[in-house]
Amino acid sequence: MVRVALTIVWVALTLTYPLIVYVGLQRWPPHVLSGTLLGLLATLTTLRWLLTRGADSQSDETSQGRKLPLWPLLTMGLLALGAILRQGMFVKAVPVMVSGGLLTMFALSLRSEQSMVERFARRQDPDLTPDKVRYCRRVTIVWCGFFVFNITTTLVLAAVAPLSWWSLYTGLVAYVLIGTLFTVEYVVRKAKFRDYGRWWHDRALAAVFPPRDNEPKSE
């Protein structure tokens, strides 16, 4: 129950972070906001680490949970710099850590047997064809490109743009771009493989891109 609550708080903080920064930097000095966010993030990270370590101790399956995760530590480092140097730039650079972590995971998966997108795809279809495996790898590369773009845009806006521009991009535009990329990829995938389910959007796409005669419909 505690772990679920922490996850909800973590997700809520991630989604509302641009709004928190936008309001906070207009009301408080950068070092006050940085210190407050640093304390909150340190508390959440420590609690999650303790819960994970406790679960690992009970199961005795792995000791990875006993190590503090890297990306929250780097984020706390940024916030600490913001508090010490009294610069709002460091607070606005925090979303880069999220995209940076995702970029690292997706990019490193390209060096392994299964790309990140393939791992997700195999949860629904364990028996992917070689063509689908290659497609998943290409989609993984596309996501890597998006994360690079998102990191670059966020840093530029944090450095030279008004706070309102940064907040608008990180709090709205970035999510719209992610949703658009998901949607476009889904349509391209259905048009390429003609592999449809029973959802209404699949039925709508099947009307536009009819299943091939030699390929059975998915259940």
C-alpha atoms as a PDB file:
ATOM      1  CA  MET A   1       0.000   0.000   0.000  1.00  0.00           C
ATOM      2  CA  VAL A   2       2.821   2.386   0.881  1.00  0.00           C
ATOM      3  CA  ARG A   3       4.632   1.523  -2.341  1.00  0.00           C
ATOM      4  CA  VAL A   4       1.509   2.280  -4.387  1.00  0.00           C
ATOM      5  CA  ALA A   5       1.079   5.614  -2.613  1.00  0.00           C
ATOM      6  CA  LEU A   6       4.713   6.510  -3.265  1.00  0.00           C
ATOM      7  CA  THR A   7       4.330   5.624  -6.942  1.00  0.00           C
ATOM      8  CA  ILE A   8       1.255   7.852  -7.215  1.00  0.00           C
ATOM      9  CA  VAL A   9       3.088  10.747  -5.553  1.00  0.00           C
ATOM     10  CA  TRP A  10       6.120  10.188  -7.792  1.00  0.00           C
ATOM     11  CA  VAL A  11       4.035  10.206 -10.985  1.00  0.00           C
ATOM     12  CA  ALA A  12       2.053  13.240  -9.838  1.00  0.00           C
ATOM     13  CA  LEU A  13       5.275  15.128  -9.052  1.00  0.00           C
ATOM     14  CA  THR A  14       6.728  14.251 -12.462  1.00  0.00           C
ATOM     15  CA  LEU A  15       3.622  15.373 -14.355  1.00  0.00           C
ATOM     16  CA  THR A  16       3.117  18.587 -12.397  1.00  0.00           C
ATOM     17  CA  TYR A  17       6.798  19.514 -12.087  1.00  0.00           C
ATOM     18  CA  PRO A  18       6.681  22.213 -14.830  1.00  0.00           C
ATOM     19  CA  LEU A  19       3.703  23.854 -13.124  1.00  0.00           C
ATOM     20  CA  ILE A  20       5.391  23.651  -9.721  1.00  0.00           C
ATOM     21  CA  VAL A  21       8.511  25.313 -11.130  1.00  0.00           C
ATOM     22  CA  TYR A  22       6.504  27.960 -13.016  1.00  0.00           C
ATOM     23  CA  VAL A  23       4.593  28.987  -9.885  1.00  0.00           C
ATOM     24  CA  GLY A  24       7.518  28.488  -7.525  1.00  0.00           C
ATOM     25  CA  LEU A  25      10.050  30.626  -9.398  1.00  0.00           C
ATOM     26  CA  GLN A  26       7.584  33.509  -9.472  1.00  0.00           C
ATOM     27  CA  ARG A  27       6.970  33.337  -5.718  1.00  0.00           C
ATOM     28  CA  TRP A  28      10.303  32.253  -4.215  1.00  0.00           C
ATOM     29  CA  PRO A  29      14.020  32.707  -4.938  1.00  0.00           C
ATOM     30  CA  PRO A  30      15.575  29.854  -6.966  1.00  0.00           C
ATOM     31  CA  HIS A  31      17.561  28.519  -4.013  1.00  0.00           C
ATOM     32  CA  VAL A  32      14.430  28.201  -1.857  1.00  0.00           C
ATOM     33  CA  LEU A  33      12.553  26.296  -4.553  1.00  0.00           C
ATOM     34  CA  SER A  34      15.603  24.134  -5.279  1.00  0.00           C
ATOM     35  CA  GLY A  35      16.055  23.281  -1.623  1.00  0.00           C
ATOM     36  CA  THR A  36      12.373  22.453  -1.165  1.00  0.00           C
ATOM     37  CA  LEU A  37      12.311  20.176  -4.219  1.00  0.00           C
ATOM     38  CA  LEU A  38      15.605  18.605  -3.150  1.00  0.00           C
ATOM     39  CA  GLY A  39      14.168  17.717   0.246  1.00  0.00           C
ATOM     40  CA  LEU A  40      11.020  16.259  -1.306  1.00  0.00           C
ATOM     41  CA  LEU A  41      12.909  14.219  -3.883  1.00  0.00           C
ATOM     42  CA  ALA A  42      15.414  12.974  -1.302  1.00  0.00           C
ATOM     43  CA  THR A  43      12.559  11.839   0.957  1.00  0.00           C
ATOM     44  CA  LEU A  44      10.736  10.000  -1.832  1.00  0.00           C
ATOM     45  CA  THR A  45      13.920   8.376  -3.130  1.00  0.00           C
ATOM     46  CA  THR A  46      14.970   7.217   0.333  1.00  0.00           C
ATOM     47  CA  LEU A  47      11.539   5.752   1.078  1.00  0.00           C
ATOM     48  CA  ARG A  48      11.456   3.864  -2.226  1.00  0.00           C
ATOM     49  CA  TRP A  49      14.974   2.598  -1.638  1.00  0.00           C
ATOM     50  CA  LEU A  50      14.107   1.364   1.858  1.00  0.00           C
ATOM     51  CA  LEU A  51      10.993  -0.414   0.590  1.00  0.00           C
ATOM     52  CA  THR A  52      12.915  -2.042  -2.254  1.00  0.00           C
ATOM     53  CA  ARG A  53      15.729  -3.101   0.059  1.00  0.00           C
ATOM     54  CA  GLY A  54      13.234  -4.603   2.468  1.00  0.00           C
ATOM     55  CA  ALA A  55      11.569  -6.577  -0.310  1.00  0.00           C
ATOM     56  CA  ASP A  56      14.949  -7.788  -1.571  1.00  0.00           C
ATOM     57  CA  SER A  57      15.987  -8.857   1.923  1.00  0.00           C
ATOM     58  CA  GLN A  58      12.843 -10.945   2.273  1.00  0.00           C
ATOM     59  CA  SER A  59      13.121 -12.592  -1.131  1.00  0.00           C
ATOM     60  CA  ASP A  60      16.952 -12.890  -1.188  1.00  0.00           C
ATOM     61  CA  GLU A  61      16.746 -12.834  -4.999  1.00  0.00           C
ATOM     62  CA  THR A  62      18.829  -9.766  -5.784  1.00  0.00           C
ATOM     63  CA  SER A  63      20.833  -7.034  -4.100  1.00  0.00           C
ATOM     64  CA  GLN A  64      20.262  -4.405  -6.795  1.00  0.00           C
ATOM     65  CA  GLY A  65      17.563  -2.711  -4.742  1.00  0.00           C
ATOM     66  CA  ARG A  66      20.107  -1.983  -2.008  1.00  0.00           C
ATOM     67  CA  LYS A  67      21.779   0.576  -4.240  1.00  0.00           C
ATOM     68  CA  LEU A  68      20.313   4.029  -4.617  1.00  0.00           C
ATOM     69  CA  PRO A  69      19.145   4.584  -8.227  1.00  0.00           C
ATOM     70  CA  LEU A  70      21.428   6.722 -10.380  1.00  0.00           C
ATOM     71  CA  TRP A  71      18.990   9.127 -12.027  1.00  0.00           C
ATOM     72  CA  PRO A  72      17.331  10.425  -8.839  1.00  0.00           C
ATOM     73  CA  LEU A  73      20.827  11.016  -7.458  1.00  0.00           C
ATOM     74  CA  LEU A  74      21.785  13.036 -10.544  1.00  0.00           C
ATOM     75  CA  THR A  75      18.541  14.989 -10.267  1.00  0.00           C
ATOM     76  CA  MET A  76      19.244  15.743  -6.628  1.00  0.00           C
ATOM     77  CA  GLY A  77      22.695  16.910  -7.697  1.00  0.00           C
ATOM     78  CA  LEU A  78      21.123  19.406 -10.092  1.00  0.00           C
ATOM     79  CA  LEU A  79      18.778  20.683  -7.396  1.00  0.00           C
ATOM     80  CA  ALA A  80      21.671  20.978  -4.962  1.00  0.00           C
ATOM     81  CA  LEU A  81      23.567  23.101  -7.489  1.00  0.00           C
ATOM     82  CA  GLY A  82      20.471  25.254  -7.914  1.00  0.00           C
ATOM     83  CA  ALA A  83      20.298  25.782  -4.163  1.00  0.00           C
ATOM     84  CA  ILE A  84      24.013  26.520  -3.807  1.00  0.00           C
ATOM     85  CA  LEU A  85      24.421  28.744  -6.865  1.00  0.00           C
ATOM     86  CA  ARG A  86      20.946  30.312  -6.549  1.00  0.00           C
ATOM     87  CA  GLN A  87      20.245  29.716 -10.242  1.00  0.00           C
ATOM     88  CA  GLY A  88      16.824  28.706 -11.604  1.00  0.00           C
ATOM     89  CA  MET A  89      18.507  27.160 -14.650  1.00  0.00           C
ATOM     90  CA  PHE A  90      19.278  24.013 -12.665  1.00  0.00           C
ATOM     91  CA  VAL A  91      15.669  23.616 -11.536  1.00  0.00           C
ATOM     92  CA  LYS A  92      14.486  23.925 -15.130  1.00  0.00           C
ATOM     93  CA  ALA A  93      17.047  21.374 -16.296  1.00  0.00           C
ATOM     94  CA  VAL A  94      15.582  18.591 -14.128  1.00  0.00           C
ATOM     95  CA  PRO A  95      13.215  17.224 -16.852  1.00  0.00           C
ATOM     96  CA  VAL A  96      16.360  16.478 -18.856  1.00  0.00           C
ATOM     97  CA  MET A  97      17.115  13.752 -16.302  1.00  0.00           C
ATOM     98  CA  VAL A  98      13.870  11.966 -17.150  1.00  0.00           C
ATOM     99  CA  SER A  99      14.514  12.044 -20.893  1.00  0.00           C
ATOM    100  CA  GLY A 100      18.160  11.239 -20.289  1.00  0.00           C
ATOM    101  CA  GLY A 101      17.278   8.129 -18.334  1.00  0.00           C
ATOM    102  CA  LEU A 102      14.866   6.951 -21.032  1.00  0.00           C
ATOM    103  CA  LEU A 103      17.394   7.704 -23.762  1.00  0.00           C
ATOM    104  CA  THR A 104      20.004   5.657 -21.944  1.00  0.00           C
ATOM    105  CA  MET A 105      17.694   2.664 -21.521  1.00  0.00           C
ATOM    106  CA  PHE A 106      16.485   2.724 -25.128  1.00  0.00           C
ATOM    107  CA  ALA A 107      19.954   3.302 -26.571  1.00  0.00           C
ATOM    108  CA  LEU A 108      21.615   0.572 -24.501  1.00  0.00           C
ATOM    109  CA  SER A 109      18.896  -1.888 -25.509  1.00  0.00           C
ATOM    110  CA  LEU A 110      20.034  -1.502 -29.128  1.00  0.00           C
ATOM    111  CA  ARG A 111      23.275  -3.212 -28.122  1.00  0.00           C
ATOM    112  CA  SER A 112      21.431  -6.197 -26.641  1.00  0.00           C
ATOM    113  CA  GLU A 113      19.538  -9.030 -28.295  1.00  0.00           C
ATOM    114  CA  GLN A 114      16.159  -7.380 -27.755  1.00  0.00           C
ATOM    115  CA  SER A 115      15.499  -3.677 -28.259  1.00  0.00           C
ATOM    116  CA  MET A 116      13.356  -1.838 -25.720  1.00  0.00           C
ATOM    117  CA  VAL A 117      10.311  -1.707 -28.012  1.00  0.00           C
ATOM    118  CA  GLU A 118      10.685  -5.416 -28.749  1.00  0.00           C
ATOM    119  CA  ARG A 119      10.584  -6.172 -25.020  1.00  0.00           C
ATOM    120  CA  PHE A 120       7.289  -4.313 -24.748  1.00  0.00           C
ATOM    121  CA  ALA A 121       5.928  -5.967 -27.890  1.00  0.00           C
ATOM    122  CA  ARG A 122       6.731  -9.477 -26.662  1.00  0.00           C
ATOM    123  CA  ARG A 123       4.491  -8.979 -23.660  1.00  0.00           C
ATOM    124  CA  GLN A 124       1.548  -9.106 -26.087  1.00  0.00           C
ATOM    125  CA  ASP A 125       3.055 -11.329 -28.771  1.00  0.00           C
ATOM    126  CA  PRO A 126       5.892 -13.578 -27.556  1.00  0.00           C
ATOM    127  CA  ASP A 127       6.357 -15.053 -31.055  1.00  0.00           C
ATOM    128  CA  LEU A 128       7.405 -12.009 -33.053  1.00  0.00           C
ATOM    129  CA  THR A 129       8.418 -12.582 -36.648  1.00  0.00           C
ATOM    130  CA  PRO A 130      11.895 -11.443 -37.799  1.00  0.00           C
ATOM    131  CA  ASP A 131      10.218  -8.619 -39.731  1.00  0.00           C
ATOM    132  CA  LYS A 132       8.506  -7.391 -36.575  1.00  0.00           C
ATOM    133  CA  VAL A 133      11.743  -7.650 -34.604  1.00  0.00           C
ATOM    134  CA  ARG A 134      13.498  -5.426 -37.152  1.00  0.00           C
ATOM    135  CA  TYR A 135      10.574  -3.004 -37.036  1.00  0.00           C
ATOM    136  CA  CYS A 136      10.787  -2.819 -33.225  1.00  0.00           C
ATOM    137  CA  ARG A 137      14.477  -1.986 -33.456  1.00  0.00           C
ATOM    138  CA  ARG A 138      13.767   0.846 -35.930  1.00  0.00           C
ATOM    139  CA  VAL A 139      11.054   2.227 -33.657  1.00  0.00           C
ATOM    140  CA  THR A 140      13.497   2.121 -30.741  1.00  0.00           C
ATOM    141  CA  ILE A 141      15.900   4.245 -32.800  1.00  0.00           C
ATOM    142  CA  VAL A 142      13.091   6.715 -33.527  1.00  0.00           C
ATOM    143  CA  TRP A 143      12.377   7.049 -29.815  1.00  0.00           C
ATOM    144  CA  CYS A 144      16.066   7.656 -29.162  1.00  0.00           C
ATOM    145  CA  GLY A 145      15.949  10.480 -31.692  1.00  0.00           C
ATOM    146  CA  PHE A 146      12.913  11.962 -29.977  1.00  0.00           C
ATOM    147  CA  PHE A 147      14.586  11.878 -26.571  1.00  0.00           C
ATOM    148  CA  VAL A 148      17.642  13.654 -27.998  1.00  0.00           C
ATOM    149  CA  PHE A 149      15.354  16.307 -29.486  1.00  0.00           C
ATOM    150  CA  ASN A 150      13.450  16.658 -26.218  1.00  0.00           C
ATOM    151  CA  ILE A 151      16.636  17.008 -24.177  1.00  0.00           C
ATOM    152  CA  THR A 152      18.052  19.623 -26.553  1.00  0.00           C
ATOM    153  CA  THR A 153      14.830  21.643 -26.667  1.00  0.00           C
ATOM    154  CA  THR A 154      14.397  21.572 -22.898  1.00  0.00           C
ATOM    155  CA  LEU A 155      17.970  22.727 -22.292  1.00  0.00           C
ATOM    156  CA  VAL A 156      17.724  25.564 -24.823  1.00  0.00           C
ATOM    157  CA  LEU A 157      14.427  26.778 -23.368  1.00  0.00           C
ATOM    158  CA  ALA A 158      15.806  26.520 -19.840  1.00  0.00           C
ATOM    159  CA  ALA A 159      18.869  28.560 -20.785  1.00  0.00           C
ATOM    160  CA  VAL A 160      17.548  31.353 -22.996  1.00  0.00           C
ATOM    161  CA  ALA A 161      13.741  31.343 -23.174  1.00  0.00           C
ATOM    162  CA  PRO A 162      11.206  32.918 -20.823  1.00  0.00           C
ATOM    163  CA  LEU A 163       9.953  30.714 -18.003  1.00  0.00           C
ATOM    164  CA  SER A 164       6.495  30.574 -19.599  1.00  0.00           C
ATOM    165  CA  TRP A 165       7.915  29.037 -22.798  1.00  0.00           C
ATOM    166  CA  TRP A 166       9.809  26.392 -20.855  1.00  0.00           C
ATOM    167  CA  SER A 167       6.717  25.580 -18.791  1.00  0.00           C
ATOM    168  CA  LEU A 168       4.500  25.355 -21.861  1.00  0.00           C
ATOM    169  CA  TYR A 169       6.861  22.992 -23.639  1.00  0.00           C
ATOM    170  CA  THR A 170       7.734  20.697 -20.736  1.00  0.00           C
ATOM    171  CA  GLY A 171       4.230  20.711 -19.264  1.00  0.00           C
ATOM    172  CA  LEU A 172       2.156  20.398 -22.446  1.00  0.00           C
ATOM    173  CA  VAL A 173       3.905  20.382 -25.814  1.00  0.00           C
ATOM    174  CA  ALA A 174       6.275  17.526 -24.904  1.00  0.00           C
ATOM    175  CA  TYR A 175       3.338  15.339 -23.855  1.00  0.00           C
ATOM    176  CA  VAL A 176       1.467  16.192 -27.057  1.00  0.00           C
ATOM    177  CA  LEU A 177       4.533  15.209 -29.080  1.00  0.00           C
ATOM    178  CA  ILE A 178       4.811  11.925 -27.185  1.00  0.00           C
ATOM    179  CA  GLY A 179       1.146  11.174 -27.792  1.00  0.00           C
ATOM    180  CA  THR A 180       1.495  12.063 -31.456  1.00  0.00           C
ATOM    181  CA  LEU A 181       4.511   9.799 -31.844  1.00  0.00           C
ATOM    182  CA  PHE A 182       2.669   6.925 -30.163  1.00  0.00           C
ATOM    183  CA  THR A 183      -0.334   7.448 -32.444  1.00  0.00           C
ATOM    184  CA  VAL A 184       1.656   7.731 -35.673  1.00  0.00           C
ATOM    185  CA  GLU A 185       3.721   4.656 -34.817  1.00  0.00           C
ATOM    186  CA  TYR A 186       0.576   2.669 -34.040  1.00  0.00           C
ATOM    187  CA  VAL A 187      -1.013   3.584 -37.382  1.00  0.00           C
ATOM    188  CA  VAL A 188       2.201   2.821 -39.285  1.00  0.00           C
ATOM    189  CA  ARG A 189       2.507  -0.541 -37.516  1.00  0.00           C
ATOM    190  CA  LYS A 190      -1.066  -1.520 -38.340  1.00  0.00           C
ATOM    191  CA  ALA A 191      -0.690  -0.392 -41.950  1.00  0.00           C
ATOM    192  CA  LYS A 192       2.536  -2.377 -42.299  1.00  0.00           C
ATOM    193  CA  PHE A 193       1.531  -5.648 -40.674  1.00  0.00           C
ATOM    194  CA  ARG A 194      -2.292  -5.526 -40.951  1.00  0.00           C
ATOM    195  CA  ASP A 195      -2.478  -7.278 -37.585  1.00  0.00           C
ATOM    196  CA  TYR A 196      -5.703  -6.147 -35.914  1.00  0.00           C
ATOM    197  CA  GLY A 197      -7.432  -6.773 -32.608  1.00  0.00           C
ATOM    198  CA  ARG A 198     -11.034  -6.241 -31.547  1.00  0.00           C
ATOM    199  CA  TRP A 199     -10.749  -2.664 -30.305  1.00  0.00           C
ATOM    200  CA  TRP A 200     -12.756   0.004 -32.098  1.00  0.00           C
ATOM    201  CA  HIS A 201      -9.668   1.807 -33.335  1.00  0.00           C
ATOM    202  CA  ASP A 202      -8.346  -1.430 -34.797  1.00  0.00           C
ATOM    203  CA  ARG A 203     -11.631  -1.977 -36.610  1.00  0.00           C
ATOM    204  CA  ALA A 204     -11.457   1.581 -37.949  1.00  0.00           C
ATOM    205  CA  LEU A 205      -7.899   1.071 -39.199  1.00  0.00           C
ATOM    206  CA  ALA A 206      -8.868  -2.283 -40.717  1.00  0.00           C
ATOM    207  CA  ALA A 207     -11.409  -0.447 -42.844  1.00  0.00           C
ATOM    208  CA  VAL A 208      -8.669   1.862 -44.131  1.00  0.00           C
ATOM    209  CA  PHE A 209      -5.953  -0.791 -44.404  1.00  0.00           C
ATOM    210  CA  PRO A 210      -7.801  -4.097 -45.057  1.00  0.00           C
ATOM    211  CA  PRO A 211      -6.131  -7.268 -43.746  1.00  0.00           C
ATOM    212  CA  ARG A 212      -4.228  -9.200 -46.379  1.00  0.00           C
ATOM    213  CA  ASP A 213      -5.862 -12.395 -47.532  1.00  0.00           C
ATOM    214  CA  ASN A 214      -2.903 -14.552 -46.520  1.00  0.00           C
ATOM    215  CA  GLU A 215      -2.699 -13.126 -42.989  1.00  0.00           C
ATOM    216  CA  PRO A 216      -5.228 -14.150 -40.318  1.00  0.00           C
ATOM    217  CA  LYS A 217      -6.749 -11.518 -38.102  1.00  0.00           C
ATOM    218  CA  SER A 218      -5.594 -11.321 -34.519  1.00  0.00           C
ATOM    219  CA  GLU A 219      -7.989 -12.320 -31.796  1.00  0.00           C
END
